[in-house]
Amino acid sequence: MLNSINEISISLGVSKMTIYRKLKVKELKSHIIIKQGIQYIDDNGLTMLIKMLKPSRENVKCDVKEEHTNNITNDEIATDKEDFISSLKS
């Protein structure tokens, strides 16, 4: 089955630009099919693409978990937000 860049970006929750950058990888070039000017990726290429994107998604999850362990209170967040807004206004 062929998957368009738009379909892949929506299903994986990443931008089309991220996918286009990954398509420049040598190993993926043989899995790209162009029909009527639209790039499609076959299932094997999609599997490879998902594996390429997986490490960056895990890093995001780790960062979020570390943030929560810092025990930042909502009051601290609100204060930081107000300070930031004030600095932008001035």
PDB file of N, CA and C in Angstrom:
ATOM      1  N   MET A   1       0.841  -1.175   0.000  1.00  0.00           N
ATOM      2  CA  MET A   1       0.000   0.000   0.000  1.00  0.00           C
ATOM      3  C   MET A   1       0.890   1.243   0.000  1.00  0.00           C
ATOM      4  N   LEU A   2       0.469   2.252  -0.700  1.00  0.00           N
ATOM      5  CA  LEU A   2       1.217   3.497  -0.771  1.00  0.00           C
ATOM      6  C   LEU A   2       0.603   4.526   0.178  1.00  0.00           C
ATOM      7  N   ASN A   3       1.475   5.274   0.846  1.00  0.00           N
ATOM      8  CA  ASN A   3       1.033   6.267   1.820  1.00  0.00           C
ATOM      9  C   ASN A   3       1.558   7.634   1.397  1.00  0.00           C
ATOM     10  N   SER A   4       0.677   8.620   1.312  1.00  0.00           N
ATOM     11  CA  SER A   4       1.116   9.963   0.944  1.00  0.00           C
ATOM     12  C   SER A   4       1.786  10.634   2.148  1.00  0.00           C
ATOM     13  N   ILE A   5       2.576  11.641   1.862  1.00  0.00           N
ATOM     14  CA  ILE A   5       3.269  12.380   2.915  1.00  0.00           C
ATOM     15  C   ILE A   5       2.245  13.004   3.864  1.00  0.00           C
ATOM     16  N   ASN A   6       1.171  13.535   3.316  1.00  0.00           N
ATOM     17  CA  ASN A   6       0.128  14.160   4.137  1.00  0.00           C
ATOM     18  C   ASN A   6      -0.501  13.135   5.088  1.00  0.00           C
ATOM     19  N   GLU A   7      -0.850  11.958   4.569  1.00  0.00           N
ATOM     20  CA  GLU A   7      -1.443  10.902   5.404  1.00  0.00           C
ATOM     21  C   GLU A   7      -0.494  10.486   6.526  1.00  0.00           C
ATOM     22  N   ILE A   8       0.779  10.343   6.175  1.00  0.00           N
ATOM     23  CA  ILE A   8       1.769   9.921   7.165  1.00  0.00           C
ATOM     24  C   ILE A   8       1.932  10.983   8.240  1.00  0.00           C
ATOM     25  N   SER A   9       2.001  12.245   7.830  1.00  0.00           N
ATOM     26  CA  SER A   9       2.200  13.309   8.818  1.00  0.00           C
ATOM     27  C   SER A   9       1.034  13.383   9.798  1.00  0.00           C
ATOM     28  N   ILE A  10      -0.164  13.191   9.300  1.00  0.00           N
ATOM     29  CA  ILE A  10      -1.343  13.225  10.179  1.00  0.00           C
ATOM     30  C   ILE A  10      -1.345  12.021  11.119  1.00  0.00           C
ATOM     31  N   SER A  11      -1.092  10.847  10.593  1.00  0.00           N
ATOM     32  CA  SER A  11      -1.166   9.647  11.428  1.00  0.00           C
ATOM     33  C   SER A  11      -0.040   9.579  12.460  1.00  0.00           C
ATOM     34  N   LEU A  12       1.143  10.122  12.131  1.00  0.00           N
ATOM     35  CA  LEU A  12       2.262  10.075  13.079  1.00  0.00           C
ATOM     36  C   LEU A  12       2.332  11.313  13.971  1.00  0.00           C
ATOM     37  N   GLY A  13       1.585  12.337  13.621  1.00  0.00           N
ATOM     38  CA  GLY A  13       1.590  13.552  14.428  1.00  0.00           C
ATOM     39  C   GLY A  13       2.876  14.359  14.286  1.00  0.00           C
ATOM     40  N   VAL A  14       3.478  14.323  13.101  1.00  0.00           N
ATOM     41  CA  VAL A  14       4.673  15.123  12.827  1.00  0.00           C
ATOM     42  C   VAL A  14       4.409  15.978  11.593  1.00  0.00           C
ATOM     43  N   SER A  15       5.232  17.007  11.419  1.00  0.00           N
ATOM     44  CA  SER A  15       5.025  17.889  10.274  1.00  0.00           C
ATOM     45  C   SER A  15       5.464  17.212   8.973  1.00  0.00           C
ATOM     46  N   LYS A  16       4.912  17.708   7.877  1.00  0.00           N
ATOM     47  CA  LYS A  16       5.308  17.195   6.564  1.00  0.00           C
ATOM     48  C   LYS A  16       6.782  17.504   6.313  1.00  0.00           C
ATOM     49  N   MET A  17       7.251  18.636   6.824  1.00  0.00           N
ATOM     50  CA  MET A  17       8.654  19.010   6.644  1.00  0.00           C
ATOM     51  C   MET A  17       9.575  17.995   7.316  1.00  0.00           C
ATOM     52  N   THR A  18       9.203  17.498   8.473  1.00  0.00           N
ATOM     53  CA  THR A  18       9.995  16.476   9.166  1.00  0.00           C
ATOM     54  C   THR A  18      10.104  15.234   8.299  1.00  0.00           C
ATOM     55  N   ILE A  19       9.007  14.846   7.690  1.00  0.00           N
ATOM     56  CA  ILE A  19       9.007  13.651   6.841  1.00  0.00           C
ATOM     57  C   ILE A  19       9.869  13.883   5.606  1.00  0.00           C
ATOM     58  N   TYR A  20       9.736  15.053   4.978  1.00  0.00           N
ATOM     59  CA  TYR A  20      10.542  15.341   3.788  1.00  0.00           C
ATOM     60  C   TYR A  20      12.037  15.315   4.120  1.00  0.00           C
ATOM     61  N   ARG A  21      12.402  15.797   5.310  1.00  0.00           N
ATOM     62  CA  ARG A  21      13.817  15.743   5.709  1.00  0.00           C
ATOM     63  C   ARG A  21      14.293  14.308   5.830  1.00  0.00           C
ATOM     64  N   LYS A  22      13.469  13.449   6.398  1.00  0.00           N
ATOM     65  CA  LYS A  22      13.846  12.043   6.559  1.00  0.00           C
ATOM     66  C   LYS A  22      13.915  11.314   5.214  1.00  0.00           C
ATOM     67  N   LEU A  23      13.142  11.768   4.241  1.00  0.00           N
ATOM     68  CA  LEU A  23      13.134  11.114   2.929  1.00  0.00           C
ATOM     69  C   LEU A  23      14.452  11.296   2.180  1.00  0.00           C
ATOM     70  N   LYS A  24      15.283  12.207   2.638  1.00  0.00           N
ATOM     71  CA  LYS A  24      16.589  12.424   1.998  1.00  0.00           C
ATOM     72  C   LYS A  24      17.595  11.332   2.359  1.00  0.00           C
ATOM     73  N   VAL A  25      17.251  10.504   3.355  1.00  0.00           N
ATOM     74  CA  VAL A  25      18.132   9.419   3.777  1.00  0.00           C
ATOM     75  C   VAL A  25      18.231   8.397   2.644  1.00  0.00           C
ATOM     76  N   LYS A  26      19.438   7.973   2.371  1.00  0.00           N
ATOM     77  CA  LYS A  26      19.711   7.082   1.237  1.00  0.00           C
ATOM     78  C   LYS A  26      18.861   5.811   1.257  1.00  0.00           C
ATOM     79  N   GLU A  27      18.688   5.213   2.430  1.00  0.00           N
ATOM     80  CA  GLU A  27      17.960   3.946   2.535  1.00  0.00           C
ATOM     81  C   GLU A  27      16.477   4.083   2.182  1.00  0.00           C
ATOM     82  N   LEU A  28      15.922   5.277   2.320  1.00  0.00           N
ATOM     83  CA  LEU A  28      14.496   5.473   2.032  1.00  0.00           C
ATOM     84  C   LEU A  28      14.215   5.784   0.561  1.00  0.00           C
ATOM     85  N   LYS A  29      15.211   6.230  -0.153  1.00  0.00           N
ATOM     86  CA  LYS A  29      14.987   6.663  -1.544  1.00  0.00           C
ATOM     87  C   LYS A  29      14.359   5.578  -2.417  1.00  0.00           C
ATOM     88  N   SER A  30      14.705   4.324  -2.171  1.00  0.00           N
ATOM     89  CA  SER A  30      14.147   3.244  -2.994  1.00  0.00           C
ATOM     90  C   SER A  30      12.691   2.925  -2.630  1.00  0.00           C
ATOM     91  N   HIS A  31      12.187   3.515  -1.553  1.00  0.00           N
ATOM     92  CA  HIS A  31      10.807   3.259  -1.123  1.00  0.00           C
ATOM     93  C   HIS A  31       9.865   4.411  -1.478  1.00  0.00           C
ATOM     94  N   ILE A  32      10.386   5.391  -2.198  1.00  0.00           N
ATOM     95  CA  ILE A  32       9.588   6.542  -2.608  1.00  0.00           C
ATOM     96  C   ILE A  32       9.072   6.316  -4.026  1.00  0.00           C
ATOM     97  N   ILE A  33       7.774   6.479  -4.200  1.00  0.00           N
ATOM     98  CA  ILE A  33       7.138   6.340  -5.507  1.00  0.00           C
ATOM     99  C   ILE A  33       6.451   7.670  -5.812  1.00  0.00           C
ATOM    100  N   ILE A  34       6.672   8.184  -7.009  1.00  0.00           N
ATOM    101  CA  ILE A  34       6.050   9.446  -7.408  1.00  0.00           C
ATOM    102  C   ILE A  34       4.993   9.148  -8.458  1.00  0.00           C
ATOM    103  N   LYS A  35       3.758   9.546  -8.151  1.00  0.00           N
ATOM    104  CA  LYS A  35       2.641   9.384  -9.087  1.00  0.00           C
ATOM    105  C   LYS A  35       1.945  10.724  -9.235  1.00  0.00           C
ATOM    106  N   GLN A  36       1.844  11.191 -10.449  1.00  0.00           N
ATOM    107  CA  GLN A  36       1.198  12.462 -10.772  1.00  0.00           C
ATOM    108  C   GLN A  36       1.750  13.599  -9.913  1.00  0.00           C
ATOM    109  N   GLY A  37       3.057  13.578  -9.693  1.00  0.00           N
ATOM    110  CA  GLY A  37       3.721  14.643  -8.954  1.00  0.00           C
ATOM    111  C   GLY A  37       3.606  14.556  -7.439  1.00  0.00           C
ATOM    112  N   ILE A  38       2.982  13.520  -6.935  1.00  0.00           N
ATOM    113  CA  ILE A  38       2.819  13.346  -5.492  1.00  0.00           C
ATOM    114  C   ILE A  38       3.717  12.214  -5.033  1.00  0.00           C
ATOM    115  N   GLN A  39       4.457  12.461  -3.937  1.00  0.00           N
ATOM    116  CA  GLN A  39       5.342  11.430  -3.394  1.00  0.00           C
ATOM    117  C   GLN A  39       4.561  10.507  -2.461  1.00  0.00           C
ATOM    118  N   TYR A  40       4.783   9.227  -2.649  1.00  0.00           N
ATOM    119  CA  TYR A  40       4.197   8.211  -1.792  1.00  0.00           C
ATOM    120  C   TYR A  40       5.327   7.350  -1.236  1.00  0.00           C
ATOM    121  N   ILE A  41       5.079   6.745  -0.100  1.00  0.00           N
ATOM    122  CA  ILE A  41       6.051   5.845   0.515  1.00  0.00           C
ATOM    123  C   ILE A  41       5.380   4.489   0.664  1.00  0.00           C
ATOM    124  N   ASP A  42       6.103   3.424   0.280  1.00  0.00           N
ATOM    125  CA  ASP A  42       5.527   2.087   0.436  1.00  0.00           C
ATOM    126  C   ASP A  42       5.588   1.655   1.907  1.00  0.00           C
ATOM    127  N   ASP A  43       4.988   0.520   2.216  1.00  0.00           N
ATOM    128  CA  ASP A  43       4.883   0.065   3.608  1.00  0.00           C
ATOM    129  C   ASP A  43       6.241  -0.171   4.260  1.00  0.00           C
ATOM    130  N   ASN A  44       7.205  -0.737   3.504  1.00  0.00           N
ATOM    131  CA  ASN A  44       8.539  -0.948   4.071  1.00  0.00           C
ATOM    132  C   ASN A  44       9.206   0.383   4.404  1.00  0.00           C
ATOM    133  N   GLY A  45       9.038   1.360   3.529  1.00  0.00           N
ATOM    134  CA  GLY A  45       9.580   2.698   3.782  1.00  0.00           C
ATOM    135  C   GLY A  45       8.925   3.351   4.975  1.00  0.00           C
ATOM    136  N   LEU A  46       7.619   3.138   5.121  1.00  0.00           N
ATOM    137  CA  LEU A  46       6.899   3.685   6.268  1.00  0.00           C
ATOM    138  C   LEU A  46       7.423   3.092   7.571  1.00  0.00           C
ATOM    139  N   THR A  47       7.678   1.795   7.570  1.00  0.00           N
ATOM    140  CA  THR A  47       8.235   1.140   8.758  1.00  0.00           C
ATOM    141  C   THR A  47       9.597   1.731   9.103  1.00  0.00           C
ATOM    142  N   MET A  48      10.427   1.939   8.097  1.00  0.00           N
ATOM    143  CA  MET A  48      11.742   2.539   8.321  1.00  0.00           C
ATOM    144  C   MET A  48      11.612   3.963   8.847  1.00  0.00           C
ATOM    145  N   LEU A  49      10.677   4.715   8.289  1.00  0.00           N
ATOM    146  CA  LEU A  49      10.454   6.094   8.708  1.00  0.00           C
ATOM    147  C   LEU A  49      10.020   6.158  10.170  1.00  0.00           C
ATOM    148  N   ILE A  50       9.124   5.274  10.561  1.00  0.00           N
ATOM    149  CA  ILE A  50       8.657   5.236  11.949  1.00  0.00           C
ATOM    150  C   ILE A  50       9.819   4.947  12.892  1.00  0.00           C
ATOM    151  N   LYS A  51      10.694   4.023  12.508  1.00  0.00           N
ATOM    152  CA  LYS A  51      11.861   3.712  13.336  1.00  0.00           C
ATOM    153  C   LYS A  51      12.794   4.911  13.452  1.00  0.00           C
ATOM    154  N   MET A  52      12.923   5.677  12.368  1.00  0.00           N
ATOM    155  CA  MET A  52      13.769   6.867  12.397  1.00  0.00           C
ATOM    156  C   MET A  52      13.203   7.940  13.319  1.00  0.00           C
ATOM    157  N   LEU A  53      11.888   8.051  13.354  1.00  0.00           N
ATOM    158  CA  LEU A  53      11.239   9.077  14.166  1.00  0.00           C
ATOM    159  C   LEU A  53      11.114   8.673  15.630  1.00  0.00           C
ATOM    160  N   LYS A  54      11.142   7.395  15.913  1.00  0.00           N
ATOM    161  CA  LYS A  54      10.909   6.897  17.267  1.00  0.00           C
ATOM    162  C   LYS A  54      11.862   7.478  18.315  1.00  0.00           C
ATOM    163  N   PRO A  55      13.175   7.527  18.075  1.00  0.00           N
ATOM    164  CA  PRO A  55      14.060   8.074  19.113  1.00  0.00           C
ATOM    165  C   PRO A  55      13.716   9.509  19.499  1.00  0.00           C
ATOM    166  N   SER A  56      13.368  10.356  18.537  1.00  0.00           N
ATOM    167  CA  SER A  56      13.055  11.738  18.878  1.00  0.00           C
ATOM    168  C   SER A  56      11.761  11.822  19.683  1.00  0.00           C
ATOM    169  N   ARG A  57      10.805  10.954  19.418  1.00  0.00           N
ATOM    170  CA  ARG A  57       9.563  10.950  20.183  1.00  0.00           C
ATOM    171  C   ARG A  57       9.814  10.484  21.608  1.00  0.00           C
ATOM    172  N   GLU A  58      10.713   9.505  21.813  1.00  0.00           N
ATOM    173  CA  GLU A  58      11.030   9.030  23.153  1.00  0.00           C
ATOM    174  C   GLU A  58      11.716  10.119  23.951  1.00  0.00           C
ATOM    175  N   ASN A  59      12.576  10.912  23.314  1.00  0.00           N
ATOM    176  CA  ASN A  59      13.254  12.007  24.003  1.00  0.00           C
ATOM    177  C   ASN A  59      12.258  13.023  24.530  1.00  0.00           C
ATOM    178  N   VAL A  60      11.237  13.303  23.758  1.00  0.00           N
ATOM    179  CA  VAL A  60      10.220  14.248  24.197  1.00  0.00           C
ATOM    180  C   VAL A  60       9.510  13.706  25.421  1.00  0.00           C
ATOM    181  N   LYS A  61       9.154  12.423  25.409  1.00  0.00           N
ATOM    182  CA  LYS A  61       8.469  11.828  26.555  1.00  0.00           C
ATOM    183  C   LYS A  61       9.347  11.872  27.802  1.00  0.00           C
ATOM    184  N   CYS A  62      10.642  11.614  27.647  1.00  0.00           N
ATOM    185  CA  CYS A  62      11.561  11.647  28.784  1.00  0.00           C
ATOM    186  C   CYS A  62      11.634  13.044  29.367  1.00  0.00           C
ATOM    187  N   ASP A  63      11.701  14.065  28.505  1.00  0.00           N
ATOM    188  CA  ASP A  63      11.772  15.433  28.980  1.00  0.00           C
ATOM    189  C   ASP A  63      10.533  15.796  29.783  1.00  0.00           C
ATOM    190  N   VAL A  64       9.377  15.367  29.312  1.00  0.00           N
ATOM    191  CA  VAL A  64       8.133  15.661  30.009  1.00  0.00           C
ATOM    192  C   VAL A  64       8.124  14.979  31.371  1.00  0.00           C
ATOM    193  N   LYS A  65       8.552  13.729  31.443  1.00  0.00           N
ATOM    194  CA  LYS A  65       8.587  13.025  32.715  1.00  0.00           C
ATOM    195  C   LYS A  65       9.519  13.724  33.699  1.00  0.00           C
ATOM    196  N   GLU A  66      10.687  14.184  33.225  1.00  0.00           N
ATOM    197  CA  GLU A  66      11.622  14.872  34.106  1.00  0.00           C
ATOM    198  C   GLU A  66      11.028  16.170  34.603  1.00  0.00           C
ATOM    199  N   GLU A  67      10.283  16.875  33.753  1.00  0.00           N
ATOM    200  CA  GLU A  67       9.653  18.113  34.165  1.00  0.00           C
ATOM    201  C   GLU A  67       8.698  17.885  35.322  1.00  0.00           C
ATOM    202  N   HIS A  68       7.921  16.823  35.252  1.00  0.00           N
ATOM    203  CA  HIS A  68       6.948  16.549  36.294  1.00  0.00           C
ATOM    204  C   HIS A  68       7.611  16.147  37.603  1.00  0.00           C
ATOM    205  N   THR A  69       8.787  15.601  37.565  1.00  0.00           N
ATOM    206  CA  THR A  69       9.446  15.195  38.797  1.00  0.00           C
ATOM    207  C   THR A  69      10.082  16.371  39.518  1.00  0.00           C
ATOM    208  N   ASN A  70      10.133  17.533  38.862  1.00  0.00           N
ATOM    209  CA  ASN A  70      10.697  18.714  39.509  1.00  0.00           C
ATOM    210  C   ASN A  70       9.720  19.352  40.493  1.00  0.00           C
ATOM    211  N   ASN A  71       8.495  18.865  40.528  1.00  0.00           N
ATOM    212  CA  ASN A  71       7.473  19.355  41.456  1.00  0.00           C
ATOM    213  C   ASN A  71       7.236  20.854  41.334  1.00  0.00           C
ATOM    214  N   ILE A  72       7.068  21.330  40.123  1.00  0.00           N
ATOM    215  CA  ILE A  72       6.756  22.733  39.889  1.00  0.00           C
ATOM    216  C   ILE A  72       5.275  22.928  40.160  1.00  0.00           C
ATOM    217  N   THR A  73       4.969  23.923  40.966  1.00  0.00           N
ATOM    218  CA  THR A  73       3.569  24.158  41.310  1.00  0.00           C
ATOM    219  C   THR A  73       2.912  25.056  40.269  1.00  0.00           C
ATOM    220  N   ASN A  74       1.595  25.036  40.257  1.00  0.00           N
ATOM    221  CA  ASN A  74       0.843  25.881  39.332  1.00  0.00           C
ATOM    222  C   ASN A  74       1.080  27.352  39.632  1.00  0.00           C
ATOM    223  N   ASP A  75       1.270  27.687  40.917  1.00  0.00           N
ATOM    224  CA  ASP A  75       1.540  29.077  41.286  1.00  0.00           C
ATOM    225  C   ASP A  75       2.855  29.557  40.690  1.00  0.00           C
ATOM    226  N   GLU A  76       3.871  28.691  40.692  1.00  0.00           N
ATOM    227  CA  GLU A  76       5.165  29.060  40.114  1.00  0.00           C
ATOM    228  C   GLU A  76       5.043  29.267  38.607  1.00  0.00           C
ATOM    229  N   ILE A  77       4.274  28.419  37.968  1.00  0.00           N
ATOM    230  CA  ILE A  77       4.064  28.548  36.526  1.00  0.00           C
ATOM    231  C   ILE A  77       3.333  29.850  36.221  1.00  0.00           C
ATOM    232  N   ALA A  78       2.302  30.163  37.001  1.00  0.00           N
ATOM    233  CA  ALA A  78       1.535  31.390  36.793  1.00  0.00           C
ATOM    234  C   ALA A  78       2.423  32.614  36.999  1.00  0.00           C
ATOM    235  N   THR A  79       3.270  32.583  38.018  1.00  0.00           N
ATOM    236  CA  THR A  79       4.174  33.699  38.285  1.00  0.00           C
ATOM    237  C   THR A  79       5.161  33.875  37.142  1.00  0.00           C
ATOM    238  N   ASP A  80       5.739  32.780  36.668  1.00  0.00           N
ATOM    239  CA  ASP A  80       6.677  32.848  35.546  1.00  0.00           C
ATOM    240  C   ASP A  80       5.987  33.395  34.298  1.00  0.00           C
ATOM    241  N   LYS A  81       4.746  32.974  34.093  1.00  0.00           N
ATOM    242  CA  LYS A  81       3.995  33.419  32.928  1.00  0.00           C
ATOM    243  C   LYS A  81       3.730  34.919  33.007  1.00  0.00           C
ATOM    244  N   GLU A  82       3.337  35.391  34.208  1.00  0.00           N
ATOM    245  CA  GLU A  82       3.076  36.821  34.395  1.00  0.00           C
ATOM    246  C   GLU A  82       4.349  37.634  34.201  1.00  0.00           C
ATOM    247  N   ASP A  83       5.479  37.141  34.730  1.00  0.00           N
ATOM    248  CA  ASP A  83       6.759  37.827  34.560  1.00  0.00           C
ATOM    249  C   ASP A  83       7.128  37.918  33.079  1.00  0.00           C
ATOM    250  N   PHE A  84       6.911  36.843  32.360  1.00  0.00           N
ATOM    251  CA  PHE A  84       7.224  36.805  30.941  1.00  0.00           C
ATOM    252  C   PHE A  84       6.363  37.795  30.174  1.00  0.00           C
ATOM    253  N   ILE A  85       5.083  37.841  30.467  1.00  0.00           N
ATOM    254  CA  ILE A  85       4.166  38.754  29.797  1.00  0.00           C
ATOM    255  C   ILE A  85       4.564  40.193  30.108  1.00  0.00           C
ATOM    256  N   SER A  86       4.917  40.464  31.360  1.00  0.00           N
ATOM    257  CA  SER A  86       5.334  41.818  31.733  1.00  0.00           C
ATOM    258  C   SER A  86       6.584  42.243  30.977  1.00  0.00           C
ATOM    259  N   SER A  87       7.536  41.309  30.848  1.00  0.00           N
ATOM    260  CA  SER A  87       8.765  41.648  30.124  1.00  0.00           C
ATOM    261  C   SER A  87       8.476  41.919  28.644  1.00  0.00           C
ATOM    262  N   LEU A  88       7.522  41.205  28.071  1.00  0.00           N
ATOM    263  CA  LEU A  88       7.165  41.448  26.678  1.00  0.00           C
ATOM    264  C   LEU A  88       6.489  42.809  26.504  1.00  0.00           C
ATOM    265  N   LYS A  89       5.661  43.179  27.468  1.00  0.00           N
ATOM    266  CA  LYS A  89       4.962  44.473  27.382  1.00  0.00           C
ATOM    267  C   LYS A  89       5.934  45.645  27.494  1.00  0.00           C
ATOM    268  N   SER A  90       6.972  45.461  28.309  1.00  0.00           N
ATOM    269  CA  SER A  90       7.926  46.574  28.484  1.00  0.00           C
ATOM    270  C   SER A  90       8.976  46.527  27.418  1.00  0.00           C
TER     271      SER A  90
END
